[in-house]
C-alpha atoms as a PDB file:
ATOM      1  CA  MET A   1     -13.794  11.471 -17.575  1.00  0.00           C
ATOM      2  CA  SER A   2     -16.267   8.991 -19.053  1.00  0.00           C
ATOM      3  CA  THR A   3     -17.963   6.254 -17.066  1.00  0.00           C
ATOM      4  CA  THR A   4     -15.782   3.650 -18.783  1.00  0.00           C
ATOM      5  CA  ASP A   5     -12.623   5.605 -17.933  1.00  0.00           C
ATOM      6  CA  THR A   6     -13.747   5.932 -14.320  1.00  0.00           C
ATOM      7  CA  ARG A   7     -14.437   2.187 -14.067  1.00  0.00           C
ATOM      8  CA  LYS A   8     -11.016   1.386 -15.521  1.00  0.00           C
ATOM      9  CA  TRP A   9      -9.277   3.871 -13.229  1.00  0.00           C
ATOM     10  CA  LEU A  10     -10.994   2.431 -10.155  1.00  0.00           C
ATOM     11  CA  GLY A  11     -10.202  -1.134 -11.213  1.00  0.00           C
ATOM     12  CA  LEU A  12      -6.518  -0.272 -11.632  1.00  0.00           C
ATOM     13  CA  ARG A  13      -6.497   1.578  -8.295  1.00  0.00           C
ATOM     14  CA  ILE A  14      -8.024  -1.338  -6.408  1.00  0.00           C
ATOM     15  CA  GLU A  15      -5.768  -3.845  -8.141  1.00  0.00           C
ATOM     16  CA  LYS A  16      -2.725  -1.781  -7.089  1.00  0.00           C
ATOM     17  CA  LEU A  17      -3.950  -1.667  -3.479  1.00  0.00           C
ATOM     18  CA  ILE A  18      -4.407  -5.453  -3.547  1.00  0.00           C
ATOM     19  CA  ARG A  19      -0.830  -5.936  -4.811  1.00  0.00           C
ATOM     20  CA  ASP A  20       0.545  -3.391  -2.322  1.00  0.00           C
ATOM     21  CA  LYS A  21      -1.023  -5.431   0.489  1.00  0.00           C
ATOM     22  CA  GLY A  22       0.672  -8.576  -0.844  1.00  0.00           C
ATOM     23  CA  MET A  23      -2.674 -10.217  -1.538  1.00  0.00           C
ATOM     24  CA  THR A  24      -4.023 -12.043  -4.555  1.00  0.00           C
ATOM     25  CA  LYS A  25      -7.286 -11.340  -6.328  1.00  0.00           C
ATOM     26  CA  ARG A  26      -8.370 -14.856  -5.356  1.00  0.00           C
ATOM     27  CA  ALA A  27      -7.779 -14.105  -1.641  1.00  0.00           C
ATOM     28  CA  VAL A  28      -9.680 -10.810  -1.883  1.00  0.00           C
ATOM     29  CA  SER A  29     -12.510 -12.591  -3.659  1.00  0.00           C
ATOM     30  CA  GLU A  30     -12.766 -15.143  -0.867  1.00  0.00           C
ATOM     31  CA  LYS A  31     -12.458 -12.592   1.961  1.00  0.00           C
ATOM     32  CA  SER A  32     -14.964 -10.194   0.416  1.00  0.00           C
ATOM     33  CA  GLY A  33     -17.479 -12.849  -0.606  1.00  0.00           C
ATOM     34  CA  MET A  34     -17.420 -11.596  -4.199  1.00  0.00           C
ATOM     35  CA  PRO A  35     -17.169 -14.272  -6.887  1.00  0.00           C
ATOM     36  CA  TYR A  36     -13.710 -14.214  -8.488  1.00  0.00           C
ATOM     37  CA  SER A  37     -15.129 -13.735 -12.000  1.00  0.00           C
ATOM     38  CA  SER A  38     -17.132 -10.696 -10.836  1.00  0.00           C
ATOM     39  CA  LEU A  39     -14.131  -9.165  -9.073  1.00  0.00           C
ATOM     40  CA  ASN A  40     -11.936  -9.729 -12.107  1.00  0.00           C
ATOM     41  CA  SER A  41     -14.507  -8.192 -14.490  1.00  0.00           C
ATOM     42  CA  LYS A  42     -14.800  -5.131 -12.277  1.00  0.00           C
ATOM     43  CA  LEU A  43     -11.033  -4.758 -11.898  1.00  0.00           C
ATOM     44  CA  LYS A  44     -10.708  -4.796 -15.699  1.00  0.00           C
ATOM     45  CA  GLY A  45     -13.385  -2.103 -15.998  1.00  0.00           C
ATOM     46  CA  TYR A  46     -15.926  -4.268 -17.806  1.00  0.00           C
ATOM     47  CA  ARG A  47     -18.425  -3.764 -14.977  1.00  0.00           C
ATOM     48  CA  GLY A  48     -18.738  -1.097 -12.320  1.00  0.00           C
ATOM     49  CA  PHE A  49     -18.281  -1.374  -8.572  1.00  0.00           C
ATOM     50  CA  ASP A  50     -21.204  -0.467  -6.335  1.00  0.00           C
ATOM     51  CA  LEU A  51     -20.951   0.763  -2.754  1.00  0.00           C
ATOM     52  CA  ASP A  52     -21.376  -2.725  -1.286  1.00  0.00           C
ATOM     53  CA  ASP A  53     -18.473  -3.940  -3.451  1.00  0.00           C
ATOM     54  CA  ILE A  54     -16.258  -1.072  -2.293  1.00  0.00           C
ATOM     55  CA  LEU A  55     -17.076  -1.711   1.361  1.00  0.00           C
ATOM     56  CA  ALA A  56     -16.484  -5.480   1.059  1.00  0.00           C
ATOM     57  CA  ILE A  57     -13.151  -5.021  -0.729  1.00  0.00           C
ATOM     58  CA  SER A  58     -12.140  -2.292   1.697  1.00  0.00           C
ATOM     59  CA  GLU A  59     -12.705  -4.607   4.635  1.00  0.00           C
ATOM     60  CA  ALA A  60     -11.022  -7.539   2.879  1.00  0.00           C
ATOM     61  CA  ILE A  61      -7.798  -5.622   2.184  1.00  0.00           C
ATOM     62  CA  GLY A  62      -7.807  -3.509   5.336  1.00  0.00           C
ATOM     63  CA  GLU A  63      -7.953  -0.120   3.610  1.00  0.00           C
ATOM     64  CA  PRO A  64     -10.499   2.633   4.224  1.00  0.00           C
ATOM     65  CA  PRO A  65     -12.973   3.167   1.390  1.00  0.00           C
ATOM     66  CA  SER A  66     -11.585   6.684   0.936  1.00  0.00           C
ATOM     67  CA  SER A  67      -8.356   5.154  -0.387  1.00  0.00           C
ATOM     68  CA  PHE A  68     -10.303   4.225  -3.540  1.00  0.00           C
ATOM     69  CA  LEU A  69     -11.095   7.862  -4.354  1.00  0.00           C
ATOM     70  CA  PRO A  70      -9.232   9.750  -7.059  1.00  0.00           C
ATOM     71  CA  PRO A  71      -6.818  12.359  -5.624  1.00  0.00           C
ATOM     72  CA  GLN A  72      -9.047  15.266  -6.650  1.00  0.00           C
ATOM     73  CA  PHE A  73     -11.709  14.061  -4.202  1.00  0.00           C
ATOM     74  CA  HIS A  74      -9.531  13.901  -1.096  1.00  0.00           C
ATOM     75  CA  ALA A  75     -10.346  16.462   1.587  1.00  0.00           C
ATOM     76  CA  SER A  76      -7.112  18.409   1.148  1.00  0.00           C
ATOM     77  CA  ALA A  77      -7.763  18.797  -2.594  1.00  0.00           C
ATOM     78  CA  LEU A  78     -11.333  19.905  -1.976  1.00  0.00           C
ATOM     79  CA  ALA A  79     -10.060  22.472   0.535  1.00  0.00           C
ATOM     80  CA  GLY A  80      -7.741  23.877  -2.130  1.00  0.00           C
ATOM     81  CA  LYS A  81      -4.584  22.334  -0.711  1.00  0.00           C
ATOM     82  CA  GLU A  82      -2.135  20.119  -2.550  1.00  0.00           C
ATOM     83  CA  THR A  83      -2.400  16.379  -2.064  1.00  0.00           C
ATOM     84  CA  GLU A  84       0.544  14.301  -0.970  1.00  0.00           C
END
């Protein structure tokens, strides 16, 4: 997977988590302290997220940072077990 594909995948994953929590991107922007334009650019995959971004968004939406990982990186997958 290319860097661009990874950025797009992560943006879509985070956007889905935001929707699943019933939040708006604007609310997450305000709670995380990230400017809305930066959050939106990262969600669209134009720019990458760094660890500070992940931690801020994680706290803002009430999800652990591990929920942003692709399924192949979850502990059960790494142990050779199927993921849920």
